[in-house]
Amino acid sequence: MKFVLITFVILMCLVAGLFIYLDSDELEIKNVYTNSSGEIVKIVYEYSEEFGLDYYENHCAGLGGEFAECGNPCHPGAEVCEAVCAMTCTISGQD
């Protein structure tokens, strides 16, 4: 049973990574921030009218993240950050 669970978790991580890889060619992604384990914790999108807001929201939801139309574009651990709006996807539980 453990083997099945571990295999499932690895497969889901690969699928999520593939989803990001395939969509990154289409989506305008400005930054991808990772934690010390290499897991994605935040994505900062560059808006393109070609896709529309729903596309970015769905992309983020597909990764299990929380989408913000006007989020903080800085690295989660940044001490200083410029106060500007950016479309972001924050993936919880990956701190």
N, C-alpha and C. Protein backbone atom coordinates (compact mmCIF):
# COMPACT_ATOMS: atom_id res chain seq x y z
N MET A 1 0.82 -1.19 0.00
CA MET A 1 0.00 0.00 0.00
C MET A 1 0.87 1.26 0.00
N LYS A 2 1.98 1.23 0.79
CA LYS A 2 2.88 2.37 0.81
C LYS A 2 3.44 2.64 -0.58
N PHE A 3 3.79 1.56 -1.27
CA PHE A 3 4.36 1.69 -2.60
C PHE A 3 3.39 2.40 -3.54
N VAL A 4 2.13 2.03 -3.48
CA VAL A 4 1.11 2.64 -4.32
C VAL A 4 0.97 4.12 -4.00
N LEU A 5 0.95 4.45 -2.71
CA LEU A 5 0.83 5.84 -2.28
C LEU A 5 2.04 6.66 -2.72
N ILE A 6 3.23 6.13 -2.52
CA ILE A 6 4.45 6.85 -2.93
C ILE A 6 4.48 7.02 -4.44
N THR A 7 4.11 5.99 -5.16
CA THR A 7 4.06 6.07 -6.62
C THR A 7 3.06 7.13 -7.07
N PHE A 8 1.91 7.18 -6.41
CA PHE A 8 0.89 8.17 -6.74
C PHE A 8 1.40 9.59 -6.50
N VAL A 9 2.04 9.82 -5.37
CA VAL A 9 2.56 11.15 -5.03
C VAL A 9 3.62 11.57 -6.05
N ILE A 10 4.53 10.68 -6.39
CA ILE A 10 5.56 10.99 -7.38
C ILE A 10 4.93 11.30 -8.73
N LEU A 11 3.95 10.52 -9.12
CA LEU A 11 3.26 10.74 -10.38
C LEU A 11 2.57 12.10 -10.41
N MET A 12 1.92 12.48 -9.30
CA MET A 12 1.25 13.78 -9.23
C MET A 12 2.25 14.92 -9.33
N CYS A 13 3.41 14.79 -8.70
CA CYS A 13 4.45 15.82 -8.80
C CYS A 13 4.95 15.94 -10.23
N LEU A 14 5.14 14.83 -10.90
CA LEU A 14 5.58 14.85 -12.29
C LEU A 14 4.53 15.51 -13.19
N VAL A 15 3.27 15.19 -12.96
CA VAL A 15 2.19 15.79 -13.75
C VAL A 15 2.14 17.29 -13.53
N ALA A 16 2.26 17.74 -12.27
CA ALA A 16 2.25 19.18 -11.97
C ALA A 16 3.44 19.86 -12.65
N GLY A 17 4.61 19.25 -12.57
CA GLY A 17 5.79 19.81 -13.23
C GLY A 17 5.63 19.87 -14.73
N LEU A 18 5.07 18.84 -15.32
CA LEU A 18 4.83 18.82 -16.76
C LEU A 18 3.82 19.89 -17.14
N PHE A 19 2.79 20.06 -16.33
CA PHE A 19 1.77 21.09 -16.59
C PHE A 19 2.41 22.47 -16.62
N ILE A 20 3.28 22.74 -15.65
CA ILE A 20 3.96 24.04 -15.61
C ILE A 20 4.89 24.18 -16.82
N TYR A 21 5.63 23.12 -17.14
CA TYR A 21 6.56 23.16 -18.26
C TYR A 21 5.83 23.43 -19.58
N LEU A 22 4.76 22.71 -19.82
CA LEU A 22 4.03 22.87 -21.07
C LEU A 22 3.37 24.24 -21.16
N ASP A 23 2.79 24.70 -20.06
CA ASP A 23 2.12 25.99 -20.08
C ASP A 23 3.08 27.17 -20.07
N SER A 24 4.30 26.97 -19.59
CA SER A 24 5.23 28.09 -19.51
C SER A 24 5.62 28.59 -20.90
N ASP A 25 5.52 27.74 -21.92
CA ASP A 25 5.78 28.18 -23.28
C ASP A 25 4.67 29.09 -23.79
N GLU A 26 3.48 28.91 -23.27
CA GLU A 26 2.34 29.70 -23.70
C GLU A 26 2.12 30.88 -22.78
N LEU A 27 2.15 30.63 -21.48
CA LEU A 27 1.93 31.69 -20.51
C LEU A 27 3.15 32.59 -20.42
N GLU A 28 2.90 33.84 -20.12
CA GLU A 28 3.99 34.77 -19.86
C GLU A 28 4.27 34.70 -18.37
N ILE A 29 5.29 33.94 -17.99
CA ILE A 29 5.64 33.81 -16.58
C ILE A 29 6.88 34.66 -16.33
N LYS A 30 6.73 35.59 -15.40
CA LYS A 30 7.81 36.52 -15.09
C LYS A 30 8.83 35.89 -14.15
N ASN A 31 8.36 35.27 -13.06
CA ASN A 31 9.24 34.64 -12.07
C ASN A 31 8.58 33.40 -11.50
N VAL A 32 9.40 32.43 -11.16
CA VAL A 32 8.96 31.25 -10.42
C VAL A 32 9.87 31.14 -9.21
N TYR A 33 9.29 31.23 -8.03
CA TYR A 33 10.06 31.14 -6.79
C TYR A 33 9.91 29.76 -6.18
N THR A 34 11.01 29.23 -5.68
CA THR A 34 10.99 27.91 -5.05
C THR A 34 11.52 28.00 -3.62
N ASN A 35 11.21 26.99 -2.83
CA ASN A 35 11.75 26.92 -1.48
C ASN A 35 13.07 26.17 -1.51
N SER A 36 13.66 25.91 -0.35
CA SER A 36 14.96 25.24 -0.28
C SER A 36 14.91 23.81 -0.80
N SER A 37 13.72 23.23 -0.87
CA SER A 37 13.57 21.86 -1.40
C SER A 37 13.32 21.84 -2.90
N GLY A 38 13.25 23.02 -3.51
CA GLY A 38 13.01 23.09 -4.94
C GLY A 38 11.55 23.08 -5.33
N GLU A 39 10.66 23.09 -4.35
CA GLU A 39 9.23 23.10 -4.65
C GLU A 39 8.78 24.52 -4.97
N ILE A 40 7.90 24.64 -5.93
CA ILE A 40 7.39 25.96 -6.33
C ILE A 40 6.49 26.51 -5.23
N VAL A 41 6.78 27.76 -4.80
CA VAL A 41 5.96 28.40 -3.78
C VAL A 41 5.21 29.61 -4.33
N LYS A 42 5.70 30.16 -5.44
CA LYS A 42 5.03 31.34 -6.00
C LYS A 42 5.39 31.50 -7.48
N ILE A 43 4.38 31.89 -8.24
CA ILE A 43 4.56 32.21 -9.65
C ILE A 43 4.08 33.63 -9.86
N VAL A 44 4.85 34.42 -10.59
CA VAL A 44 4.45 35.78 -10.95
C VAL A 44 4.23 35.78 -12.45
N TYR A 45 3.00 36.07 -12.84
CA TYR A 45 2.63 36.05 -14.26
C TYR A 45 2.81 37.42 -14.90
N GLU A 46 3.08 37.41 -16.19
CA GLU A 46 3.05 38.62 -17.02
C GLU A 46 1.75 38.51 -17.82
N TYR A 47 0.86 39.48 -17.69
CA TYR A 47 -0.46 39.39 -18.32
C TYR A 47 -0.36 39.48 -19.84
N SER A 48 -1.11 38.63 -20.50
CA SER A 48 -1.24 38.66 -21.95
C SER A 48 -2.73 38.62 -22.28
N GLU A 49 -3.20 39.55 -23.07
CA GLU A 49 -4.62 39.59 -23.44
C GLU A 49 -5.03 38.36 -24.23
N GLU A 50 -4.06 37.66 -24.78
CA GLU A 50 -4.34 36.46 -25.55
C GLU A 50 -5.07 35.41 -24.71
N PHE A 51 -4.80 35.38 -23.41
CA PHE A 51 -5.38 34.35 -22.55
C PHE A 51 -6.55 34.84 -21.73
N GLY A 52 -6.49 36.00 -21.17
CA GLY A 52 -7.55 36.48 -20.30
C GLY A 52 -7.34 36.01 -18.87
N LEU A 53 -7.95 36.70 -17.96
CA LEU A 53 -7.75 36.47 -16.53
C LEU A 53 -8.14 35.05 -16.09
N ASP A 54 -9.23 34.52 -16.64
CA ASP A 54 -9.69 33.18 -16.25
C ASP A 54 -8.63 32.11 -16.50
N TYR A 55 -7.87 32.27 -17.56
CA TYR A 55 -6.85 31.28 -17.90
C TYR A 55 -5.79 31.22 -16.80
N TYR A 56 -5.35 32.38 -16.31
CA TYR A 56 -4.35 32.43 -15.25
C TYR A 56 -4.92 31.87 -13.95
N GLU A 57 -6.17 32.21 -13.65
CA GLU A 57 -6.82 31.69 -12.45
C GLU A 57 -6.90 30.17 -12.49
N ASN A 58 -7.28 29.63 -13.64
CA ASN A 58 -7.39 28.18 -13.80
C ASN A 58 -6.03 27.50 -13.72
N HIS A 59 -5.01 28.13 -14.29
CA HIS A 59 -3.66 27.59 -14.22
C HIS A 59 -3.22 27.47 -12.76
N CYS A 60 -3.45 28.52 -12.01
CA CYS A 60 -3.08 28.54 -10.59
C CYS A 60 -3.88 27.51 -9.80
N ALA A 61 -5.16 27.44 -10.03
CA ALA A 61 -6.01 26.47 -9.33
C ALA A 61 -5.57 25.04 -9.63
N GLY A 62 -5.14 24.81 -10.87
CA GLY A 62 -4.66 23.48 -11.26
C GLY A 62 -3.40 23.08 -10.51
N LEU A 63 -2.68 24.06 -9.99
CA LEU A 63 -1.47 23.78 -9.21
C LEU A 63 -1.77 23.75 -7.71
N GLY A 64 -3.03 23.98 -7.36
CA GLY A 64 -3.42 24.00 -5.95
C GLY A 64 -3.04 25.30 -5.27
N GLY A 65 -2.90 26.36 -6.06
CA GLY A 65 -2.48 27.65 -5.51
C GLY A 65 -3.62 28.62 -5.32
N GLU A 66 -3.28 29.77 -4.74
CA GLU A 66 -4.23 30.85 -4.52
C GLU A 66 -3.85 32.00 -5.46
N PHE A 67 -4.74 32.33 -6.37
CA PHE A 67 -4.49 33.36 -7.37
C PHE A 67 -4.80 34.74 -6.80
N ALA A 68 -3.95 35.71 -7.15
CA ALA A 68 -4.19 37.10 -6.78
C ALA A 68 -3.97 37.97 -8.01
N GLU A 69 -4.99 38.73 -8.36
CA GLU A 69 -4.88 39.61 -9.53
C GLU A 69 -3.90 40.75 -9.26
N CYS A 70 -3.82 41.17 -8.01
CA CYS A 70 -2.92 42.25 -7.63
C CYS A 70 -2.13 41.81 -6.40
N GLY A 71 -1.20 40.88 -6.63
CA GLY A 71 -0.42 40.34 -5.53
C GLY A 71 0.97 40.94 -5.45
N ASN A 72 1.69 40.55 -4.44
CA ASN A 72 3.06 40.98 -4.21
C ASN A 72 3.99 40.18 -5.13
N PRO A 73 4.78 40.83 -5.99
CA PRO A 73 5.61 40.11 -6.94
C PRO A 73 6.94 39.62 -6.40
N CYS A 74 7.25 39.90 -5.14
CA CYS A 74 8.57 39.57 -4.59
C CYS A 74 8.64 38.15 -4.05
N HIS A 75 9.87 37.69 -3.88
CA HIS A 75 10.13 36.39 -3.28
C HIS A 75 9.49 36.35 -1.90
N PRO A 76 8.89 35.22 -1.51
CA PRO A 76 8.22 35.15 -0.22
C PRO A 76 9.09 35.54 0.98
N GLY A 77 10.39 35.37 0.90
CA GLY A 77 11.26 35.70 2.01
C GLY A 77 11.95 37.05 1.90
N ALA A 78 11.56 37.85 0.92
CA ALA A 78 12.22 39.14 0.69
C ALA A 78 11.99 40.10 1.85
N GLU A 79 13.07 40.78 2.25
CA GLU A 79 12.95 41.77 3.32
C GLU A 79 12.43 43.10 2.79
N VAL A 80 12.79 43.42 1.56
CA VAL A 80 12.36 44.67 0.93
C VAL A 80 11.69 44.31 -0.39
N CYS A 81 10.57 44.98 -0.67
CA CYS A 81 9.83 44.69 -1.90
C CYS A 81 9.20 45.96 -2.44
N GLU A 82 9.30 46.13 -3.74
CA GLU A 82 8.67 47.27 -4.40
C GLU A 82 7.16 47.09 -4.35
N ALA A 83 6.44 48.16 -4.04
CA ALA A 83 4.99 48.10 -3.91
C ALA A 83 4.33 48.26 -5.27
N VAL A 84 4.18 47.16 -5.99
CA VAL A 84 3.50 47.15 -7.28
C VAL A 84 2.55 45.96 -7.33
N CYS A 85 1.58 46.03 -8.22
CA CYS A 85 0.64 44.92 -8.40
C CYS A 85 1.17 43.97 -9.46
N ALA A 86 0.96 42.69 -9.22
CA ALA A 86 1.31 41.67 -10.21
C ALA A 86 0.37 40.49 -10.01
N MET A 87 0.05 39.81 -11.08
CA MET A 87 -0.75 38.59 -10.98
C MET A 87 0.16 37.50 -10.41
N THR A 88 -0.27 36.90 -9.30
CA THR A 88 0.54 35.88 -8.65
C THR A 88 -0.26 34.64 -8.32
N CYS A 89 0.46 33.56 -8.16
CA CYS A 89 -0.10 32.28 -7.71
C CYS A 89 0.76 31.83 -6.55
N THR A 90 0.20 31.82 -5.35
CA THR A 90 0.92 31.38 -4.17
C THR A 90 0.46 29.98 -3.83
N ILE A 91 1.42 29.07 -3.76
CA ILE A 91 1.11 27.68 -3.50
C ILE A 91 1.37 27.41 -2.03
N SER A 92 0.30 27.19 -1.27
CA SER A 92 0.42 26.99 0.18
C SER A 92 0.93 25.61 0.51
N GLY A 93 1.47 25.49 1.70
CA GLY A 93 1.97 24.21 2.16
C GLY A 93 3.32 23.86 1.61
N GLN A 94 3.95 24.78 0.88
CA GLN A 94 5.25 24.54 0.28
C GLN A 94 6.30 25.48 0.86
N ASP A 95 6.02 26.09 2.02
CA ASP A 95 6.95 27.07 2.61
C ASP A 95 8.26 26.46 3.01
